[in-house]
Every structure is written in C-alpha cells, then in structure tokens.
Amino acid sequence: MLRAGRPPTPQGQGGVTGPSAVAQGGSITVQVEQGTSSITVHTGGPTEQVIPVPPGGSVTIPIPNVPAGVVVVITSGGGLTKSILYVEVISPGP
C-alpha cells in the first residue's frame, strides 16, 4: 500500500505495531502512532470491535477463543494513511 508522501512501510511498522502471533484466548499489546484515536479489530465474521486508544498509544487487545489459524486484522487510520497489522492465532503449547 502506498501512502501519500511516504514510501510503503512493512507489516507492523508505521501506524500500528505489535506481535505477529497470539495464543488462543490470550491478549496482545500493540503500539499505535500518536494522534490515532481508535483502532479496529476484526476476528472473522461480520462484526468488528472499535477500541479507543489511550494517550500513551499502548492498547491491550483481548483475543477471543477462536480456532488456531484465524488471522486477526488490526487497523488504524483510513484511506491512504491506513495501517494494517495481521496477527495469527496459534494453539497454546502442551
């Protein structure tokens, strides 16, 4: 994705950064670029969750107990400044 006036940024850089995997039923903490008021979390299905971003820019997101292999999509911003983070849900160890 190209951003106006900036070169494209790799996964997890720019508007929202965080881990690339999370255990089923766990939670993750993402860092959000200053000035962002909310992020949107998609865990599959027709619904999405909008989470407000506190002043420090650190947001903890609870992950529902979805099947391993589901990809959680976290977005911030919109249009040419939209940032996307993909996080795969994995099975907890034995």
PDB file of N, CA and C in Angstrom:
ATOM      1  N   MET A   1       0.845  -1.157   0.000  1.00  0.00           N
ATOM      2  CA  MET A   1       0.000   0.000   0.000  1.00  0.00           C
ATOM      3  C   MET A   1       0.899   1.231   0.000  1.00  0.00           C
ATOM      4  N   LEU A   2       0.621   2.163  -0.854  1.00  0.00           N
ATOM      5  CA  LEU A   2       1.387   3.400  -0.902  1.00  0.00           C
ATOM      6  C   LEU A   2       0.704   4.466  -0.074  1.00  0.00           C
ATOM      7  N   ARG A   3       1.494   5.235   0.604  1.00  0.00           N
ATOM      8  CA  ARG A   3       0.956   6.336   1.407  1.00  0.00           C
ATOM      9  C   ARG A   3       1.392   7.646   0.781  1.00  0.00           C
ATOM     10  N   ALA A   4       0.526   8.598   0.804  1.00  0.00           N
ATOM     11  CA  ALA A   4       0.825   9.890   0.206  1.00  0.00           C
ATOM     12  C   ALA A   4       2.056  10.508   0.864  1.00  0.00           C
ATOM     13  N   GLY A   5       3.080  10.797   0.075  1.00  0.00           N
ATOM     14  CA  GLY A   5       4.263  11.474   0.579  1.00  0.00           C
ATOM     15  C   GLY A   5       5.234  10.599   1.335  1.00  0.00           C
ATOM     16  N   ARG A   6       4.924   9.300   1.505  1.00  0.00           N
ATOM     17  CA  ARG A   6       5.809   8.400   2.243  1.00  0.00           C
ATOM     18  C   ARG A   6       5.960   7.096   1.473  1.00  0.00           C
ATOM     19  N   PRO A   7       7.136   6.461   1.603  1.00  0.00           N
ATOM     20  CA  PRO A   7       7.257   5.135   0.991  1.00  0.00           C
ATOM     21  C   PRO A   7       6.420   4.130   1.769  1.00  0.00           C
ATOM     22  N   PRO A   8       6.063   2.984   1.170  1.00  0.00           N
ATOM     23  CA  PRO A   8       5.286   1.995   1.901  1.00  0.00           C
ATOM     24  C   PRO A   8       6.072   1.460   3.089  1.00  0.00           C
ATOM     25  N   THR A   9       5.370   1.066   4.150  1.00  0.00           N
ATOM     26  CA  THR A   9       6.034   0.514   5.324  1.00  0.00           C
ATOM     27  C   THR A   9       5.700  -0.964   5.449  1.00  0.00           C
ATOM     28  N   PRO A  10       6.658  -1.778   5.914  1.00  0.00           N
ATOM     29  CA  PRO A  10       6.393  -3.203   6.078  1.00  0.00           C
ATOM     30  C   PRO A  10       5.373  -3.471   7.178  1.00  0.00           C
ATOM     31  N   GLN A  11       4.878  -4.708   7.218  1.00  0.00           N
ATOM     32  CA  GLN A  11       3.935  -5.151   8.252  1.00  0.00           C
ATOM     33  C   GLN A  11       4.429  -4.749   9.625  1.00  0.00           C
ATOM     34  N   GLY A  12       3.540  -4.162  10.410  1.00  0.00           N
ATOM     35  CA  GLY A  12       3.863  -3.853  11.789  1.00  0.00           C
ATOM     36  C   GLY A  12       4.719  -2.627  11.986  1.00  0.00           C
ATOM     37  N   GLN A  13       4.871  -1.807  10.972  1.00  0.00           N
ATOM     38  CA  GLN A  13       5.605  -0.554  11.132  1.00  0.00           C
ATOM     39  C   GLN A  13       4.683   0.588  10.727  1.00  0.00           C
ATOM     40  N   GLY A  14       4.862   1.713  11.349  1.00  0.00           N
ATOM     41  CA  GLY A  14       4.004   2.844  10.994  1.00  0.00           C
ATOM     42  C   GLY A  14       2.899   3.029  12.001  1.00  0.00           C
ATOM     43  N   GLY A  15       1.654   3.050  11.554  1.00  0.00           N
ATOM     44  CA  GLY A  15       0.523   3.392  12.396  1.00  0.00           C
ATOM     45  C   GLY A  15       0.228   2.452  13.540  1.00  0.00           C
ATOM     46  N   VAL A  16       0.413   1.151  13.350  1.00  0.00           N
ATOM     47  CA  VAL A  16       0.141   0.178  14.417  1.00  0.00           C
ATOM     48  C   VAL A  16       1.192  -0.923  14.349  1.00  0.00           C
ATOM     49  N   THR A  17       1.836  -1.203  15.499  1.00  0.00           N
ATOM     50  CA  THR A  17       2.863  -2.242  15.556  1.00  0.00           C
ATOM     51  C   THR A  17       2.545  -3.214  16.682  1.00  0.00           C
ATOM     52  N   GLY A  18       2.958  -4.459  16.510  1.00  0.00           N
ATOM     53  CA  GLY A  18       2.713  -5.461  17.525  1.00  0.00           C
ATOM     54  C   GLY A  18       3.214  -6.813  17.080  1.00  0.00           C
ATOM     55  N   PRO A  19       2.896  -7.857  17.849  1.00  0.00           N
ATOM     56  CA  PRO A  19       3.369  -9.201  17.529  1.00  0.00           C
ATOM     57  C   PRO A  19       2.660  -9.776  16.306  1.00  0.00           C
ATOM     58  N   SER A  20       3.235 -10.824  15.738  1.00  0.00           N
ATOM     59  CA  SER A  20       2.631 -11.457  14.561  1.00  0.00           C
ATOM     60  C   SER A  20       1.825 -12.696  14.931  1.00  0.00           C
ATOM     61  N   ALA A  21       1.871 -13.124  16.209  1.00  0.00           N
ATOM     62  CA  ALA A  21       1.116 -14.297  16.639  1.00  0.00           C
ATOM     63  C   ALA A  21       0.624 -14.099  18.066  1.00  0.00           C
ATOM     64  N   VAL A  22      -0.489 -14.780  18.389  1.00  0.00           N
ATOM     65  CA  VAL A  22      -1.073 -14.726  19.732  1.00  0.00           C
ATOM     66  C   VAL A  22      -1.725 -16.075  20.013  1.00  0.00           C
ATOM     67  N   ALA A  23      -1.665 -16.528  21.269  1.00  0.00           N
ATOM     68  CA  ALA A  23      -2.296 -17.786  21.653  1.00  0.00           C
ATOM     69  C   ALA A  23      -3.813 -17.626  21.733  1.00  0.00           C
ATOM     70  N   GLN A  24      -4.527 -18.723  21.473  1.00  0.00           N
ATOM     71  CA  GLN A  24      -5.983 -18.716  21.572  1.00  0.00           C
ATOM     72  C   GLN A  24      -6.403 -18.214  22.950  1.00  0.00           C
ATOM     73  N   GLY A  25      -7.343 -17.302  23.002  1.00  0.00           N
ATOM     74  CA  GLY A  25      -7.864 -16.789  24.258  1.00  0.00           C
ATOM     75  C   GLY A  25      -6.921 -15.867  25.006  1.00  0.00           C
ATOM     76  N   GLY A  26      -5.786 -15.531  24.409  1.00  0.00           N
ATOM     77  CA  GLY A  26      -4.809 -14.654  25.053  1.00  0.00           C
ATOM     78  C   GLY A  26      -5.102 -13.192  24.780  1.00  0.00           C
ATOM     79  N   SER A  27      -4.085 -12.382  24.929  1.00  0.00           N
ATOM     80  CA  SER A  27      -4.214 -10.957  24.617  1.00  0.00           C
ATOM     81  C   SER A  27      -2.888 -10.466  24.057  1.00  0.00           C
ATOM     82  N   ILE A  28      -2.939  -9.383  23.321  1.00  0.00           N
ATOM     83  CA  ILE A  28      -1.731  -8.776  22.770  1.00  0.00           C
ATOM     84  C   ILE A  28      -1.751  -7.285  23.080  1.00  0.00           C
ATOM     85  N   THR A  29      -0.569  -6.715  23.120  1.00  0.00           N
ATOM     86  CA  THR A  29      -0.439  -5.277  23.294  1.00  0.00           C
ATOM     87  C   THR A  29       0.170  -4.712  22.026  1.00  0.00           C
ATOM     88  N   VAL A  30      -0.489  -3.714  21.459  1.00  0.00           N
ATOM     89  CA  VAL A  30       0.014  -3.059  20.253  1.00  0.00           C
ATOM     90  C   VAL A  30       0.320  -1.595  20.569  1.00  0.00           C
ATOM     91  N   GLN A  31       1.246  -1.038  19.836  1.00  0.00           N
ATOM     92  CA  GLN A  31       1.576   0.384  19.937  1.00  0.00           C
ATOM     93  C   GLN A  31       0.948   1.084  18.745  1.00  0.00           C
ATOM     94  N   VAL A  32       0.331   2.210  19.005  1.00  0.00           N
ATOM     95  CA  VAL A  32      -0.367   2.946  17.964  1.00  0.00           C
ATOM     96  C   VAL A  32       0.265   4.322  17.815  1.00  0.00           C
ATOM     97  N   GLU A  33       0.401   4.753  16.570  1.00  0.00           N
ATOM     98  CA  GLU A  33       1.003   6.045  16.253  1.00  0.00           C
ATOM     99  C   GLU A  33       0.274   7.178  16.979  1.00  0.00           C
ATOM    100  N   GLN A  34       1.028   8.144  17.452  1.00  0.00           N
ATOM    101  CA  GLN A  34       0.459   9.299  18.153  1.00  0.00           C
ATOM    102  C   GLN A  34      -0.574   9.999  17.272  1.00  0.00           C
ATOM    103  N   GLY A  35      -1.650  10.425  17.900  1.00  0.00           N
ATOM    104  CA  GLY A  35      -2.705  11.123  17.167  1.00  0.00           C
ATOM    105  C   GLY A  35      -3.817  10.210  16.691  1.00  0.00           C
ATOM    106  N   THR A  36      -3.672   8.893  16.883  1.00  0.00           N
ATOM    107  CA  THR A  36      -4.712   7.952  16.483  1.00  0.00           C
ATOM    108  C   THR A  36      -5.705   7.807  17.631  1.00  0.00           C
ATOM    109  N   SER A  37      -6.988   7.964  17.354  1.00  0.00           N
ATOM    110  CA  SER A  37      -7.990   7.937  18.423  1.00  0.00           C
ATOM    111  C   SER A  37      -8.555   6.546  18.682  1.00  0.00           C
ATOM    112  N   SER A  38      -8.533   5.670  17.664  1.00  0.00           N
ATOM    113  CA  SER A  38      -9.078   4.326  17.859  1.00  0.00           C
ATOM    114  C   SER A  38      -8.460   3.364  16.848  1.00  0.00           C
ATOM    115  N   ILE A  39      -8.574   2.060  17.158  1.00  0.00           N
ATOM    116  CA  ILE A  39      -8.190   1.010  16.223  1.00  0.00           C
ATOM    117  C   ILE A  39      -9.384   0.099  16.034  1.00  0.00           C
ATOM    118  N   THR A  40      -9.387  -0.645  14.955  1.00  0.00           N
ATOM    119  CA  THR A  40     -10.460  -1.579  14.670  1.00  0.00           C
ATOM    120  C   THR A  40      -9.874  -2.985  14.636  1.00  0.00           C
ATOM    121  N   VAL A  41     -10.551  -3.927  15.296  1.00  0.00           N
ATOM    122  CA  VAL A  41     -10.090  -5.305  15.374  1.00  0.00           C
ATOM    123  C   VAL A  41     -11.126  -6.210  14.709  1.00  0.00           C
ATOM    124  N   HIS A  42     -10.664  -7.012  13.738  1.00  0.00           N
ATOM    125  CA  HIS A  42     -11.518  -7.965  13.032  1.00  0.00           C
ATOM    126  C   HIS A  42     -11.030  -9.367  13.383  1.00  0.00           C
ATOM    127  N   THR A  43     -11.922 -10.218  13.925  1.00  0.00           N
ATOM    128  CA  THR A  43     -11.541 -11.587  14.261  1.00  0.00           C
ATOM    129  C   THR A  43     -12.272 -12.596  13.393  1.00  0.00           C
ATOM    130  N   GLY A  44     -12.815 -12.149  12.294  1.00  0.00           N
ATOM    131  CA  GLY A  44     -13.583 -13.021  11.415  1.00  0.00           C
ATOM    132  C   GLY A  44     -15.067 -12.775  11.634  1.00  0.00           C
ATOM    133  N   GLY A  45     -15.838 -13.125  10.647  1.00  0.00           N
ATOM    134  CA  GLY A  45     -17.272 -12.898  10.762  1.00  0.00           C
ATOM    135  C   GLY A  45     -17.641 -11.466  10.427  1.00  0.00           C
ATOM    136  N   PRO A  46     -18.912 -11.137  10.582  1.00  0.00           N
ATOM    137  CA  PRO A  46     -19.398  -9.829  10.144  1.00  0.00           C
ATOM    138  C   PRO A  46     -19.153  -8.686  11.131  1.00  0.00           C
ATOM    139  N   THR A  47     -18.678  -8.990  12.329  1.00  0.00           N
ATOM    140  CA  THR A  47     -18.535  -7.927  13.324  1.00  0.00           C
ATOM    141  C   THR A  47     -17.087  -7.472  13.452  1.00  0.00           C
ATOM    142  N   GLU A  48     -16.926  -6.270  13.944  1.00  0.00           N
ATOM    143  CA  GLU A  48     -15.609  -5.722  14.236  1.00  0.00           C
ATOM    144  C   GLU A  48     -15.704  -4.968  15.555  1.00  0.00           C
ATOM    145  N   GLN A  49     -14.572  -4.831  16.208  1.00  0.00           N
ATOM    146  CA  GLN A  49     -14.542  -4.154  17.505  1.00  0.00           C
ATOM    147  C   GLN A  49     -13.704  -2.892  17.365  1.00  0.00           C
ATOM    148  N   VAL A  50     -14.249  -1.754  17.762  1.00  0.00           N
ATOM    149  CA  VAL A  50     -13.513  -0.497  17.751  1.00  0.00           C
ATOM    150  C   VAL A  50     -13.038  -0.232  19.177  1.00  0.00           C
ATOM    151  N   ILE A  51     -11.727  -0.046  19.329  1.00  0.00           N
ATOM    152  CA  ILE A  51     -11.133   0.142  20.649  1.00  0.00           C
ATOM    153  C   ILE A  51     -10.494   1.524  20.705  1.00  0.00           C
ATOM    154  N   PRO A  52     -10.846   2.332  21.703  1.00  0.00           N
ATOM    155  CA  PRO A  52     -10.222   3.652  21.832  1.00  0.00           C
ATOM    156  C   PRO A  52      -8.743   3.518  22.205  1.00  0.00           C
ATOM    157  N   VAL A  53      -7.941   4.457  21.743  1.00  0.00           N
ATOM    158  CA  VAL A  53      -6.507   4.462  22.033  1.00  0.00           C
ATOM    159  C   VAL A  53      -6.240   5.491  23.133  1.00  0.00           C
ATOM    160  N   PRO A  54      -5.635   5.045  24.251  1.00  0.00           N
ATOM    161  CA  PRO A  54      -5.310   5.996  25.321  1.00  0.00           C
ATOM    162  C   PRO A  54      -4.160   6.909  24.910  1.00  0.00           C
ATOM    163  N   PRO A  55      -3.922   7.990  25.654  1.00  0.00           N
ATOM    164  CA  PRO A  55      -2.882   8.960  25.289  1.00  0.00           C
ATOM    165  C   PRO A  55      -1.490   8.356  25.077  1.00  0.00           C
ATOM    166  N   GLY A  56      -1.128   7.310  25.815  1.00  0.00           N
ATOM    167  CA  GLY A  56       0.199   6.704  25.664  1.00  0.00           C
ATOM    168  C   GLY A  56       0.369   5.912  24.383  1.00  0.00           C
ATOM    169  N   GLY A  57      -0.737   5.545  23.731  1.00  0.00           N
ATOM    170  CA  GLY A  57      -0.678   4.826  22.469  1.00  0.00           C
ATOM    171  C   GLY A  57      -0.518   3.321  22.596  1.00  0.00           C
ATOM    172  N   SER A  58      -0.554   2.775  23.809  1.00  0.00           N
ATOM    173  CA  SER A  58      -0.427   1.335  24.021  1.00  0.00           C
ATOM    174  C   SER A  58      -1.805   0.752  24.300  1.00  0.00           C
ATOM    175  N   VAL A  59      -2.207  -0.248  23.497  1.00  0.00           N
ATOM    176  CA  VAL A  59      -3.544  -0.830  23.617  1.00  0.00           C
ATOM    177  C   VAL A  59      -3.411  -2.335  23.812  1.00  0.00           C
ATOM    178  N   THR A  60      -4.058  -2.876  24.861  1.00  0.00           N
ATOM    179  CA  THR A  60      -4.106  -4.318  25.061  1.00  0.00           C
ATOM    180  C   THR A  60      -5.421  -4.828  24.507  1.00  0.00           C
ATOM    181  N   ILE A  61      -5.321  -5.839  23.640  1.00  0.00           N
ATOM    182  CA  ILE A  61      -6.491  -6.361  22.941  1.00  0.00           C
ATOM    183  C   ILE A  61      -6.729  -7.801  23.376  1.00  0.00           C
ATOM    184  N   PRO A  62      -7.880  -8.105  23.999  1.00  0.00           N
ATOM    185  CA  PRO A  62      -8.198  -9.494  24.321  1.00  0.00           C
ATOM    186  C   PRO A  62      -8.581 -10.234  23.040  1.00  0.00           C
ATOM    187  N   ILE A  63      -8.052 -11.435  22.883  1.00  0.00           N
ATOM    188  CA  ILE A  63      -8.346 -12.242  21.702  1.00  0.00           C
ATOM    189  C   ILE A  63      -9.332 -13.334  22.105  1.00  0.00           C
ATOM    190  N   PRO A  64     -10.471 -13.414  21.420  1.00  0.00           N
ATOM    191  CA  PRO A  64     -11.432 -14.458  21.780  1.00  0.00           C
ATOM    192  C   PRO A  64     -10.864 -15.845  21.491  1.00  0.00           C
ATOM    193  N   ASN A  65     -11.504 -16.858  22.030  1.00  0.00           N
ATOM    194  CA  ASN A  65     -11.049 -18.232  21.842  1.00  0.00           C
ATOM    195  C   ASN A  65     -11.487 -18.728  20.463  1.00  0.00           C
ATOM    196  N   VAL A  66     -10.875 -18.182  19.428  1.00  0.00           N
ATOM    197  CA  VAL A  66     -11.157 -18.585  18.047  1.00  0.00           C
ATOM    198  C   VAL A  66     -10.205 -19.723  17.673  1.00  0.00           C
ATOM    199  N   PRO A  67     -10.511 -20.480  16.626  1.00  0.00           N
ATOM    200  CA  PRO A  67      -9.644 -21.594  16.245  1.00  0.00           C
ATOM    201  C   PRO A  67      -8.240 -21.124  15.834  1.00  0.00           C
ATOM    202  N   ALA A  68      -7.252 -21.986  16.074  1.00  0.00           N
ATOM    203  CA  ALA A  68      -5.893 -21.695  15.619  1.00  0.00           C
ATOM    204  C   ALA A  68      -5.905 -21.532  14.100  1.00  0.00           C
ATOM    205  N   GLY A  69      -5.097 -20.632  13.608  1.00  0.00           N
ATOM    206  CA  GLY A  69      -5.033 -20.370  12.176  1.00  0.00           C
ATOM    207  C   GLY A  69      -5.830 -19.155  11.742  1.00  0.00           C
ATOM    208  N   VAL A  70      -6.753 -18.699  12.598  1.00  0.00           N
ATOM    209  CA  VAL A  70      -7.509 -17.482  12.287  1.00  0.00           C
ATOM    210  C   VAL A  70      -6.535 -16.304  12.307  1.00  0.00           C
ATOM    211  N   VAL A  71      -6.696 -15.399  11.376  1.00  0.00           N
ATOM    212  CA  VAL A  71      -5.860 -14.206  11.333  1.00  0.00           C
ATOM    213  C   VAL A  71      -6.676 -13.023  11.829  1.00  0.00           C
ATOM    214  N   VAL A  72      -6.199 -12.392  12.895  1.00  0.00           N
ATOM    215  CA  VAL A  72      -6.829 -11.194  13.446  1.00  0.00           C
ATOM    216  C   VAL A  72      -6.254 -10.003  12.683  1.00  0.00           C
ATOM    217  N   VAL A  73      -7.126  -9.132  12.217  1.00  0.00           N
ATOM    218  CA  VAL A  73      -6.702  -7.964  11.457  1.00  0.00           C
ATOM    219  C   VAL A  73      -6.955  -6.721  12.310  1.00  0.00           C
ATOM    220  N   ILE A  74      -5.885  -5.972  12.565  1.00  0.00           N
ATOM    221  CA  ILE A  74      -5.975  -4.752  13.371  1.00  0.00           C
ATOM    222  C   ILE A  74      -5.637  -3.583  12.461  1.00  0.00           C
ATOM    223  N   THR A  75      -6.528  -2.599  12.398  1.00  0.00           N
ATOM    224  CA  THR A  75      -6.299  -1.459  11.511  1.00  0.00           C
ATOM    225  C   THR A  75      -6.365  -0.150  12.284  1.00  0.00           C
ATOM    226  N   SER A  76      -5.635   0.821  11.774  1.00  0.00           N
ATOM    227  CA  SER A  76      -5.730   2.188  12.291  1.00  0.00           C
ATOM    228  C   SER A  76      -5.707   3.122  11.098  1.00  0.00           C
ATOM    229  N   GLY A  77      -6.328   4.272  11.266  1.00  0.00           N
ATOM    230  CA  GLY A  77      -6.372   5.236  10.173  1.00  0.00           C
ATOM    231  C   GLY A  77      -7.322   4.789   9.081  1.00  0.00           C
ATOM    232  N   GLY A  78      -7.272   5.500   7.981  1.00  0.00           N
ATOM    233  CA  GLY A  78      -8.135   5.182   6.853  1.00  0.00           C
ATOM    234  C   GLY A  78      -7.579   5.773   5.578  1.00  0.00           C
ATOM    235  N   GLY A  79      -8.115   5.327   4.482  1.00  0.00           N
ATOM    236  CA  GLY A  79      -7.672   5.835   3.180  1.00  0.00           C
ATOM    237  C   GLY A  79      -6.204   5.569   2.933  1.00  0.00           C
ATOM    238  N   LEU A  80      -5.496   6.567   2.438  1.00  0.00           N
ATOM    239  CA  LEU A  80      -4.077   6.407   2.122  1.00  0.00           C
ATOM    240  C   LEU A  80      -3.194   6.298   3.354  1.00  0.00           C
ATOM    241  N   THR A  81      -3.712   6.620   4.525  1.00  0.00           N
ATOM    242  CA  THR A  81      -2.903   6.533   5.748  1.00  0.00           C
ATOM    243  C   THR A  81      -3.277   5.327   6.605  1.00  0.00           C
ATOM    244  N   LYS A  82      -4.058   4.407   6.058  1.00  0.00           N
ATOM    245  CA  LYS A  82      -4.474   3.220   6.807  1.00  0.00           C
ATOM    246  C   LYS A  82      -3.269   2.318   7.077  1.00  0.00           C
ATOM    247  N   SER A  83      -3.188   1.813   8.296  1.00  0.00           N
ATOM    248  CA  SER A  83      -2.134   0.888   8.689  1.00  0.00           C
ATOM    249  C   SER A  83      -2.793  -0.414   9.119  1.00  0.00           C
ATOM    250  N   ILE A  84      -2.220  -1.548   8.704  1.00  0.00           N
ATOM    251  CA  ILE A  84      -2.813  -2.854   8.975  1.00  0.00           C
ATOM    252  C   ILE A  84      -1.778  -3.758   9.626  1.00  0.00           C
ATOM    253  N   LEU A  85      -2.190  -4.461  10.676  1.00  0.00           N
ATOM    254  CA  LEU A  85      -1.353  -5.453  11.339  1.00  0.00           C
ATOM    255  C   LEU A  85      -2.106  -6.777  11.310  1.00  0.00           C
ATOM    256  N   TYR A  86      -1.454  -7.838  10.793  1.00  0.00           N
ATOM    257  CA  TYR A  86      -2.036  -9.171  10.755  1.00  0.00           C
ATOM    258  C   TYR A  86      -1.425  -9.994  11.887  1.00  0.00           C
ATOM    259  N   VAL A  87      -2.268 -10.637  12.707  1.00  0.00           N
ATOM    260  CA  VAL A  87      -1.808 -11.434  13.836  1.00  0.00           C
ATOM    261  C   VAL A  87      -2.466 -12.807  13.742  1.00  0.00           C
ATOM    262  N   GLU A  88      -1.645 -13.868  13.648  1.00  0.00           N
ATOM    263  CA  GLU A  88      -2.183 -15.215  13.555  1.00  0.00           C
ATOM    264  C   GLU A  88      -2.436 -15.785  14.938  1.00  0.00           C
ATOM    265  N   VAL A  89      -3.595 -16.424  15.108  1.00  0.00           N
ATOM    266  CA  VAL A  89      -3.925 -17.096  16.351  1.00  0.00           C
ATOM    267  C   VAL A  89      -3.306 -18.490  16.304  1.00  0.00           C
ATOM    268  N   ILE A  90      -2.560 -18.844  17.366  1.00  0.00           N
ATOM    269  CA  ILE A  90      -1.910 -20.148  17.411  1.00  0.00           C
ATOM    270  C   ILE A  90      -2.397 -20.932  18.620  1.00  0.00           C
ATOM    271  N   SER A  91      -2.240 -22.264  18.574  1.00  0.00           N
ATOM    272  CA  SER A  91      -2.612 -23.105  19.713  1.00  0.00           C
ATOM    273  C   SER A  91      -1.590 -22.946  20.825  1.00  0.00           C
ATOM    274  N   PRO A  92      -2.052 -22.901  22.067  1.00  0.00           N
ATOM    275  CA  PRO A  92      -1.083 -22.858  23.158  1.00  0.00           C
ATOM    276  C   PRO A  92      -0.313 -24.178  23.208  1.00  0.00           C
ATOM    277  N   GLY A  93       0.894 -24.101  23.722  1.00  0.00           N
ATOM    278  CA  GLY A  93       1.731 -25.305  23.815  1.00  0.00           C
ATOM    279  C   GLY A  93       1.134 -26.343  24.730  1.00  0.00           C
ATOM    280  N   PRO A  94       1.659 -27.579  24.679  1.00  0.00           N
ATOM    281  CA  PRO A  94       1.112 -28.665  25.508  1.00  0.00           C
ATOM    282  C   PRO A  94       1.314 -28.433  26.984  1.00  0.00           C
TER     283      PRO A  94
END
